C-alpha atoms as a PDB file:
ATOM      1  CA  MET A   1     127.009 103.833  50.775  1.00  0.00           C
ATOM      2  CA  THR A   2     130.119 103.324  48.478  1.00  0.00           C
ATOM      3  CA  PHE A   3     133.524 104.232  50.101  1.00  0.00           C
ATOM      4  CA  GLU A   4     136.233 104.714  47.410  1.00  0.00           C
ATOM      5  CA  PHE A   5     139.952 105.550  48.229  1.00  0.00           C
ATOM      6  CA  GLN A   6     142.762 105.586  46.291  1.00  0.00           C
ATOM      7  CA  CYS A   7     145.917 103.744  47.906  1.00  0.00           C
ATOM      8  CA  ASN A   8     148.877 101.689  47.742  1.00  0.00           C
ATOM      9  CA  VAL A   9     147.457  99.184  49.801  1.00  0.00           C
ATOM     10  CA  CYS A  10     146.995  95.441  48.568  1.00  0.00           C
ATOM     11  CA  VAL A  11     143.942  93.321  49.192  1.00  0.00           C
ATOM     12  CA  PRO A  12     146.556  90.458  50.025  1.00  0.00           C
ATOM     13  CA  SER A  13     148.313  92.623  52.701  1.00  0.00           C
ATOM     14  CA  LEU A  14     144.963  93.340  54.274  1.00  0.00           C
ATOM     15  CA  LEU A  15     143.806  89.608  54.514  1.00  0.00           C
ATOM     16  CA  HIS A  16     147.090  89.333  56.354  1.00  0.00           C
ATOM     17  CA  SER A  17     146.300  92.136  58.921  1.00  0.00           C
ATOM     18  CA  THR A  18     144.872  91.410  62.176  1.00  0.00           C
ATOM     19  CA  VAL A  19     141.524  93.768  61.682  1.00  0.00           C
ATOM     20  CA  LEU A  20     139.421  93.165  58.227  1.00  0.00           C
ATOM     21  CA  PRO A  21     136.912  96.335  58.545  1.00  0.00           C
ATOM     22  CA  LEU A  22     133.336  95.606  57.684  1.00  0.00           C
ATOM     23  CA  ILE A  23     132.563  98.124  55.089  1.00  0.00           C
ATOM     24  CA  VAL A  24     129.990  97.502  52.343  1.00  0.00           C
ATOM     25  CA  ARG A  25     132.414  98.416  49.431  1.00  0.00           C
ATOM     26  CA  LEU A  26     135.925  99.420  49.530  1.00  0.00           C
ATOM     27  CA  GLN A  27     138.268 100.112  46.303  1.00  0.00           C
ATOM     28  CA  PHE A  28     142.188  99.510  46.663  1.00  0.00           C
ATOM     29  CA  LYS A  29     144.601  99.993  43.449  1.00  0.00           C
ATOM     30  CA  THR A  30     147.107  97.017  43.384  1.00  0.00           C
ATOM     31  CA  LEU A  31     149.219  96.075  40.829  1.00  0.00           C
ATOM     32  CA  CYS A  32     146.846  94.293  38.463  1.00  0.00           C
ATOM     33  CA  GLY A  33     144.310  97.506  38.865  1.00  0.00           C
ATOM     34  CA  TRP A  34     141.177  98.037  40.578  1.00  0.00           C
ATOM     35  CA  ILE A  35     140.228  95.042  42.596  1.00  0.00           C
ATOM     36  CA  THR A  36     137.242  95.286  45.281  1.00  0.00           C
ATOM     37  CA  LEU A  37     137.250  94.128  48.744  1.00  0.00           C
ATOM     38  CA  PHE A  38     133.905  93.167  48.705  1.00  0.00           C
ATOM     39  CA  GLN A  39     134.590  90.797  45.809  1.00  0.00           C
ATOM     40  CA  VAL A  40     137.074  88.913  47.916  1.00  0.00           C
ATOM     41  CA  LEU A  41     134.671  88.973  51.164  1.00  0.00           C
ATOM     42  CA  THR A  42     131.703  87.642  48.999  1.00  0.00           C
ATOM     43  CA  TYR A  43     133.392  84.113  49.443  1.00  0.00           C
ATOM     44  CA  CYS A  44     133.327  84.363  53.176  1.00  0.00           C
ATOM     45  CA  PHE A  45     129.509  85.967  53.479  1.00  0.00           C
ATOM     46  CA  PHE A  46     127.460  85.109  50.438  1.00  0.00           C
ATOM     47  CA  PRO A  47     125.148  81.708  51.221  1.00  0.00           C
ATOM     48  CA  MET A  48     126.268  78.157  50.010  1.00  0.00           C
ATOM     49  CA  GLN A  49     125.098  77.671  46.445  1.00  0.00           C
ATOM     50  CA  GLU A  50     124.899  74.529  44.671  1.00  0.00           C
ATOM     51  CA  VAL A  51     127.909  73.009  42.929  1.00  0.00           C
ATOM     52  CA  SER A  52     128.062  71.151  39.719  1.00  0.00           C
ATOM     53  CA  TRP A  53     130.654  68.803  39.027  1.00  0.00           C
ATOM     54  CA  GLY A  54     133.390  69.883  36.106  1.00  0.00           C
ATOM     55  CA  SER A  55     132.278  73.782  36.621  1.00  0.00           C
ATOM     56  CA  ILE A  56     133.942  76.902  38.190  1.00  0.00           C
ATOM     57  CA  THR A  57     131.274  76.429  41.080  1.00  0.00           C
ATOM     58  CA  LEU A  58     133.847  74.014  42.150  1.00  0.00           C
ATOM     59  CA  VAL A  59     136.420  76.789  42.068  1.00  0.00           C
ATOM     60  CA  ASP A  60     134.156  78.992  43.828  1.00  0.00           C
ATOM     61  CA  ALA A  61     133.696  76.800  46.588  1.00  0.00           C
ATOM     62  CA  GLU A  62     137.250  76.266  46.985  1.00  0.00           C
ATOM     63  CA  LYS A  63     137.966  80.007  47.474  1.00  0.00           C
ATOM     64  CA  ARG A  64     134.819  80.507  50.137  1.00  0.00           C
ATOM     65  CA  LEU A  65     136.526  77.910  52.040  1.00  0.00           C
ATOM     66  CA  LEU A  66     139.810  79.040  51.830  1.00  0.00           C
ATOM     67  CA  ALA A  67     138.176  82.816  52.426  1.00  0.00           C
ATOM     68  CA  ASN A  68     136.655  81.649  55.553  1.00  0.00           C
ATOM     69  CA  ALA A  69     139.643  79.672  57.140  1.00  0.00           C
ATOM     70  CA  LEU A  70     141.917  83.136  56.344  1.00  0.00           C
ATOM     71  CA  LEU A  71     139.436  84.996  59.031  1.00  0.00           C
ATOM     72  CA  ASP A  72     141.081  82.820  61.666  1.00  0.00           C
ATOM     73  CA  PHE A  73     144.405  84.677  61.632  1.00  0.00           C
ATOM     74  CA  SER A  74     145.897  81.539  63.548  1.00  0.00           C
ATOM     75  CA  ASN A  75     145.743  79.578  60.464  1.00  0.00           C
ATOM     76  CA  GLU A  76     148.751  79.092  58.558  1.00  0.00           C
ATOM     77  CA  ARG A  77     148.305  76.015  56.600  1.00  0.00           C
ATOM     78  CA  PHE A  78     145.272  74.857  54.562  1.00  0.00           C
ATOM     79  CA  VAL A  79     144.300  71.663  53.108  1.00  0.00           C
ATOM     80  CA  LEU A  80     141.589  70.534  50.534  1.00  0.00           C
ATOM     81  CA  LEU A  81     140.516  66.281  51.132  1.00  0.00           C
ATOM     82  CA  SER A  82     137.475  64.915  49.851  1.00  0.00           C
ATOM     83  CA  GLU A  83     134.613  62.662  52.058  1.00  0.00           C
ATOM     84  CA  SER A  84     136.784  59.763  50.641  1.00  0.00           C
ATOM     85  CA  CYS A  85     140.273  60.903  51.732  1.00  0.00           C
ATOM     86  CA  ILE A  86     141.760  59.511  54.902  1.00  0.00           C
ATOM     87  CA  PRO A  87     145.131  60.330  56.677  1.00  0.00           C
ATOM     88  CA  VAL A  88     147.947  57.724  56.753  1.00  0.00           C
ATOM     89  CA  PHE A  89     149.966  59.357  59.427  1.00  0.00           C
ATOM     90  CA  ASN A  90     148.633  60.419  62.923  1.00  0.00           C
ATOM     91  CA  PHE A  91     148.431  64.707  63.466  1.00  0.00           C
ATOM     92  CA  PRO A  92     151.346  65.451  64.975  1.00  0.00           C
ATOM     93  CA  THR A  93     153.618  63.861  61.841  1.00  0.00           C
ATOM     94  CA  VAL A  94     150.983  65.763  59.777  1.00  0.00           C
ATOM     95  CA  TYR A  95     150.975  69.233  61.111  1.00  0.00           C
ATOM     96  CA  GLU A  96     155.232  69.081  61.371  1.00  0.00           C
ATOM     97  CA  TYR A  97     155.856  68.117  57.687  1.00  0.00           C
ATOM     98  CA  LEU A  98     153.466  70.960  56.593  1.00  0.00           C
ATOM     99  CA  ILE A  99     154.139  73.575  59.343  1.00  0.00           C
ATOM    100  CA  ASN A 100     157.706  72.956  58.785  1.00  0.00           C
ATOM    101  CA  SER A 101     157.691  72.841  54.918  1.00  0.00           C
ATOM    102  CA  ALA A 102     159.084  75.690  52.701  1.00  0.00           C
ATOM    103  CA  HIS A 103     156.560  74.625  50.106  1.00  0.00           C
ATOM    104  CA  SER A 104     153.162  74.491  49.475  1.00  0.00           C
ATOM    105  CA  PHE A 105     151.578  71.254  47.612  1.00  0.00           C
ATOM    106  CA  VAL A 106     150.063  71.766  44.682  1.00  0.00           C
ATOM    107  CA  GLU A 107     150.061  69.195  41.982  1.00  0.00           C
ATOM    108  CA  SER A 108     151.545  70.878  38.157  1.00  0.00           C
ATOM    109  CA  TYR A 109     152.662  69.489  35.345  1.00  0.00           C
ATOM    110  CA  ASN A 110     151.960  70.125  31.438  1.00  0.00           C
ATOM    111  CA  ILE A 111     151.782  66.633  29.249  1.00  0.00           C
ATOM    112  CA  ASP A 112     150.797  66.603  25.314  1.00  0.00           C
ATOM    113  CA  THR A 113     147.503  64.783  26.031  1.00  0.00           C
ATOM    114  CA  PRO A 114     143.865  65.533  25.365  1.00  0.00           C
ATOM    115  CA  GLN A 115     143.482  65.323  28.888  1.00  0.00           C
ATOM    116  CA  CYS A 116     146.198  67.913  29.946  1.00  0.00           C
ATOM    117  CA  ALA A 117     147.596  70.596  27.260  1.00  0.00           C
ATOM    118  CA  GLY A 118     144.199  69.489  24.772  1.00  0.00           C
ATOM    119  CA  ARG A 119     142.042  71.566  27.487  1.00  0.00           C
ATOM    120  CA  TYR A 120     143.938  74.887  26.772  1.00  0.00           C
ATOM    121  CA  ASN A 121     141.462  77.309  25.458  1.00  0.00           C
ATOM    122  CA  ARG A 122     143.590  80.010  22.715  1.00  0.00           C
ATOM    123  CA  ARG A 123     141.100  82.718  23.690  1.00  0.00           C
ATOM    124  CA  MET A 124     143.007  82.502  27.103  1.00  0.00           C
ATOM    125  CA  ALA A 125     145.856  84.451  25.479  1.00  0.00           C
ATOM    126  CA  PRO A 126     147.486  86.501  26.335  1.00  0.00           C
ATOM    127  CA  HIS A 127     146.838  86.355  29.733  1.00  0.00           C
ATOM    128  CA  ILE A 128     147.492  82.529  29.546  1.00  0.00           C
ATOM    129  CA  MET A 129     149.823  81.123  26.751  1.00  0.00           C
ATOM    130  CA  ALA A 130     150.077  77.232  26.226  1.00  0.00           C
ATOM    131  CA  ASP A 131     153.374  76.560  27.293  1.00  0.00           C
ATOM    132  CA  GLN A 132     152.086  78.350  31.166  1.00  0.00           C
ATOM    133  CA  TRP A 133     149.003  75.559  30.898  1.00  0.00           C
ATOM    134  CA  ARG A 134     149.005  73.521  33.807  1.00  0.00           C
ATOM    135  CA  LYS A 135     146.950  70.661  35.327  1.00  0.00           C
ATOM    136  CA  GLY A 136     147.165  69.104  39.167  1.00  0.00           C
ATOM    137  CA  SER A 137     145.083  67.285  41.188  1.00  0.00           C
ATOM    138  CA  GLU A 138     142.530  69.217  42.919  1.00  0.00           C
ATOM    139  CA  TRP A 139     143.300  68.154  46.539  1.00  0.00           C
ATOM    140  CA  PHE A 140     145.794  70.368  47.914  1.00  0.00           C
ATOM    141  CA  GLU A 141     147.677  72.262  50.401  1.00  0.00           C
ATOM    142  CA  LEU A 142     148.908  76.196  50.539  1.00  0.00           C
ATOM    143  CA  ASN A 143     150.152  78.216  52.797  1.00  0.00           C
ATOM    144  CA  ARG A 144     148.612  81.540  54.046  1.00  0.00           C
ATOM    145  CA  GLU A 145     150.321  83.394  51.172  1.00  0.00           C
ATOM    146  CA  LEU A 146     149.174  81.580  48.712  1.00  0.00           C
ATOM    147  CA  ALA A 147     145.770  81.000  49.931  1.00  0.00           C
ATOM    148  CA  VAL A 148     145.402  85.041  50.250  1.00  0.00           C
ATOM    149  CA  GLN A 149     146.698  85.167  46.691  1.00  0.00           C
ATOM    150  CA  ILE A 150     144.307  82.574  45.319  1.00  0.00           C
ATOM    151  CA  VAL A 151     141.072  84.157  46.967  1.00  0.00           C
ATOM    152  CA  ALA A 152     142.545  87.873  45.774  1.00  0.00           C
ATOM    153  CA  ASP A 153     142.814  86.698  42.266  1.00  0.00           C
ATOM    154  CA  TYR A 154     139.569  87.988  40.079  1.00  0.00           C
ATOM    155  CA  LYS A 155     141.452  88.493  36.926  1.00  0.00           C
ATOM    156  CA  TYR A 156     142.759  85.098  36.394  1.00  0.00           C
ATOM    157  CA  TYR A 157     139.730  83.054  37.993  1.00  0.00           C
ATOM    158  CA  SER A 158     137.390  85.422  35.285  1.00  0.00           C
ATOM    159  CA  ILE A 159     139.516  83.944  32.456  1.00  0.00           C
ATOM    160  CA  PHE A 160     138.784  80.271  33.653  1.00  0.00           C
ATOM    161  CA  ARG A 161     135.417  81.075  34.121  1.00  0.00           C
ATOM    162  CA  LYS A 162     134.774  82.448  30.521  1.00  0.00           C
ATOM    163  CA  HIS A 163     137.228  80.158  28.632  1.00  0.00           C
ATOM    164  CA  CYS A 164     137.548  76.655  30.603  1.00  0.00           C
ATOM    165  CA  ARG A 165     134.376  74.733  30.200  1.00  0.00           C
ATOM    166  CA  PRO A 166     134.007  71.338  29.827  1.00  0.00           C
ATOM    167  CA  SER A 167     136.026  69.307  28.394  1.00  0.00           C
ATOM    168  CA  CYS A 168     138.191  71.833  30.419  1.00  0.00           C
ATOM    169  CA  TYR A 169     137.858  71.704  34.245  1.00  0.00           C
ATOM    170  CA  PRO A 170     138.427  74.672  36.348  1.00  0.00           C
ATOM    171  CA  ASP A 171     139.070  72.524  39.704  1.00  0.00           C
ATOM    172  CA  GLU A 172     141.781  70.846  37.714  1.00  0.00           C
ATOM    173  CA  HIS A 173     143.788  73.504  36.048  1.00  0.00           C
ATOM    174  CA  TYR A 174     142.629  76.766  37.711  1.00  0.00           C
ATOM    175  CA  ILE A 175     145.090  76.597  40.947  1.00  0.00           C
ATOM    176  CA  PRO A 176     147.990  74.796  39.300  1.00  0.00           C
ATOM    177  CA  THR A 177     148.062  77.422  36.146  1.00  0.00           C
ATOM    178  CA  TYR A 178     147.903  80.293  38.628  1.00  0.00           C
ATOM    179  CA  LEU A 179     150.697  79.266  41.128  1.00  0.00           C
ATOM    180  CA  HIS A 180     152.957  78.106  38.181  1.00  0.00           C
ATOM    181  CA  LEU A 181     152.436  81.630  36.436  1.00  0.00           C
ATOM    182  CA  PHE A 182     153.641  83.887  39.392  1.00  0.00           C
ATOM    183  CA  HIS A 183     154.631  81.393  42.869  1.00  0.00           C
ATOM    184  CA  GLY A 184     156.225  78.976  40.895  1.00  0.00           C
ATOM    185  CA  PRO A 185     159.333  78.853  43.776  1.00  0.00           C
ATOM    186  CA  LEU A 186     156.791  78.456  46.262  1.00  0.00           C
ATOM    187  CA  ASN A 187     155.161  75.348  45.185  1.00  0.00           C
ATOM    188  CA  ALA A 188     156.815  71.917  45.862  1.00  0.00           C
ATOM    189  CA  ASN A 189     154.545  70.667  42.185  1.00  0.00           C
ATOM    190  CA  ARG A 190     153.451  67.302  44.147  1.00  0.00           C
ATOM    191  CA  THR A 191     150.632  66.627  45.827  1.00  0.00           C
ATOM    192  CA  ILE A 192     150.585  65.028  49.313  1.00  0.00           C
ATOM    193  CA  THR A 193     147.495  62.752  48.475  1.00  0.00           C
ATOM    194  CA  TRP A 194     147.999  58.949  47.397  1.00  0.00           C
ATOM    195  CA  VAL A 195     145.764  57.940  44.826  1.00  0.00           C
ATOM    196  CA  ASP A 196     145.659  54.437  42.733  1.00  0.00           C
ATOM    197  CA  TRP A 197     145.536  54.940  38.848  1.00  0.00           C
ATOM    198  CA  SER A 198     146.803  51.843  38.176  1.00  0.00           C
ATOM    199  CA  ARG A 199     143.348  50.080  37.134  1.00  0.00           C
ATOM    200  CA  GLY A 200     142.728  52.593  34.510  1.00  0.00           C
ATOM    201  CA  GLY A 201     139.464  54.634  33.447  1.00  0.00           C
ATOM    202  CA  PRO A 202     138.291  58.153  34.465  1.00  0.00           C
ATOM    203  CA  HIS A 203     138.339  57.602  37.989  1.00  0.00           C
ATOM    204  CA  PRO A 204     141.038  55.871  40.549  1.00  0.00           C
ATOM    205  CA  ALA A 205     140.614  52.818  42.673  1.00  0.00           C
ATOM    206  CA  SER A 206     138.104  52.866  45.327  1.00  0.00           C
ATOM    207  CA  TYR A 207     138.636  50.997  48.580  1.00  0.00           C
ATOM    208  CA  GLY A 208     135.819  49.186  50.721  1.00  0.00           C
ATOM    209  CA  ALA A 209     136.206  47.228  54.252  1.00  0.00           C
ATOM    210  CA  ALA A 210     137.668  43.831  52.453  1.00  0.00           C
ATOM    211  CA  ASP A 211     140.726  46.177  51.574  1.00  0.00           C
ATOM    212  CA  ILE A 212     141.386  47.704  54.766  1.00  0.00           C
ATOM    213  CA  THR A 213     144.543  45.671  56.821  1.00  0.00           C
ATOM    214  CA  GLU A 214     147.708  47.023  58.652  1.00  0.00           C
ATOM    215  CA  GLU A 215     149.819  45.984  55.427  1.00  0.00           C
ATOM    216  CA  PHE A 216     147.829  47.855  53.107  1.00  0.00           C
ATOM    217  CA  ILE A 217     148.322  51.205  55.216  1.00  0.00           C
ATOM    218  CA  GLN A 218     152.054  50.478  55.702  1.00  0.00           C
ATOM    219  CA  ALA A 219     152.072  49.762  51.699  1.00  0.00           C
ATOM    220  CA  ILE A 220     150.778  53.635  51.252  1.00  0.00           C
ATOM    221  CA  ARG A 221     153.119  54.885  53.656  1.00  0.00           C
ATOM    222  CA  ASN A 222     156.113  53.398  51.960  1.00  0.00           C
ATOM    223  CA  ASN A 223     155.214  52.794  48.294  1.00  0.00           C
ATOM    224  CA  GLY A 224     158.379  53.415  46.911  1.00  0.00           C
ATOM    225  CA  THR A 225     157.703  57.070  45.707  1.00  0.00           C
ATOM    226  CA  GLN A 226     161.080  59.453  45.935  1.00  0.00           C
ATOM    227  CA  CYS A 227     160.393  63.061  46.262  1.00  0.00           C
ATOM    228  CA  PHE A 228     162.024  66.296  48.037  1.00  0.00           C
ATOM    229  CA  TYR A 229     160.995  68.339  50.714  1.00  0.00           C
ATOM    230  CA  ASN A 230     162.614  71.267  51.869  1.00  0.00           C
ATOM    231  CA  SER A 231     164.953  70.557  48.732  1.00  0.00           C
ATOM    232  CA  LYS A 232     166.132  67.365  50.172  1.00  0.00           C
ATOM    233  CA  PRO A 233     165.204  63.768  49.155  1.00  0.00           C
ATOM    234  CA  THR A 234     162.576  61.889  50.969  1.00  0.00           C
ATOM    235  CA  SER A 235     160.869  58.838  51.137  1.00  0.00           C
ATOM    236  CA  VAL A 236     157.608  60.415  52.538  1.00  0.00           C
ATOM    237  CA  CYS A 237     155.692  62.049  50.087  1.00  0.00           C
ATOM    238  CA  TYR A 238     152.174  61.436  51.380  1.00  0.00           C
ATOM    239  CA  LEU A 239     150.552  62.365  54.321  1.00  0.00           C
ATOM    240  CA  PHE A 240     146.822  61.100  52.997  1.00  0.00           C
ATOM    241  CA  ALA A 241     144.833  58.730  50.575  1.00  0.00           C
ATOM    242  CA  ARG A 242     141.679  58.043  48.945  1.00  0.00           C
ATOM    243  CA  LYS A 243     139.446  56.649  47.549  1.00  0.00           C
ATOM    244  CA  PHE A 244     138.047  55.404  50.342  1.00  0.00           C
ATOM    245  CA  ALA A 245     134.188  54.220  50.477  1.00  0.00           C
ATOM    246  CA  PRO A 246     132.216  54.536  53.712  1.00  0.00           C
ATOM    247  CA  LYS A 247     132.037  50.951  54.430  1.00  0.00           C
ATOM    248  CA  ALA A 248     135.720  51.098  55.087  1.00  0.00           C
ATOM    249  CA  LEU A 249     135.268  53.437  57.746  1.00  0.00           C
ATOM    250  CA  GLY A 250     134.525  50.977  60.722  1.00  0.00           C
ATOM    251  CA  ARG A 251     137.992  49.019  59.658  1.00  0.00           C
ATOM    252  CA  LEU A 252     139.796  52.184  59.562  1.00  0.00           C
ATOM    253  CA  MET A 253     138.590  52.988  63.017  1.00  0.00           C
ATOM    254  CA  ASN A 254     139.642  49.648  64.264  1.00  0.00           C
ATOM    255  CA  LEU A 255     143.270  50.592  63.205  1.00  0.00           C
ATOM    256  CA  THR A 256     143.659  54.078  64.917  1.00  0.00           C
ATOM    257  CA  SER A 257     144.988  52.871  67.948  1.00  0.00           C
ATOM    258  CA  THR A 258     147.688  51.062  66.137  1.00  0.00           C
ATOM    259  CA  VAL A 259     149.078  51.649  62.502  1.00  0.00           C
ATOM    260  CA  LEU A 260     147.652  55.131  62.434  1.00  0.00           C
ATOM    261  CA  ASP A 261     148.314  56.127  65.914  1.00  0.00           C
ATOM    262  CA  PHE A 262     145.919  58.116  66.899  1.00  0.00           C
END
């Protein structure tokens, strides 16, 4: 059965509410035209799908993770990390840093290189112009408002699904570009996940058991980087770090009661 109502309620406001009606299909009129609640809820209830590196399926997976987390209305901040990420501060420090931030943390930049500006597809115009194109780390942090917007978006997601194909990687461009277009003031334009690209190549440095020392963790915390937090300068710019091999776990666990203070 199909229920169609023409009203002024937006899907994002519904996701903010305390009740999610169980409706087979419901259409709402938004600023971007007609969008179905069903399209949003599919990210919650569709079965898991195979994810392919470098494809739009990675964005699908990100949207599903966000949508499921949004169903818990006590969740206010959303962090995407990989299995090779570790925290470099304890939980209370991470929690206070995120919950008190006026911004989300999504890296977003545009530089004239083949790996950034060179991935722009002119067929995305006029909705996305070349000077609006952005790239950033796929490991992000969003507040609830922006997470809702990302899950609810279908128009720009469709553009990326159609026109961002290898060697364009949607998970590196979709969220940074979308936030730049519509929610730039809410984004800090930086990542909170430290990574070492100094060795060159297509992948960052990876660290094993032999690399894990108290001095190494302290060096990540105090790496000389300066950034802004709530519009004030700070040297605490990274809460997480990557890329750590599974063999590093034992040595990391040995540091939990000392330098990591877990």
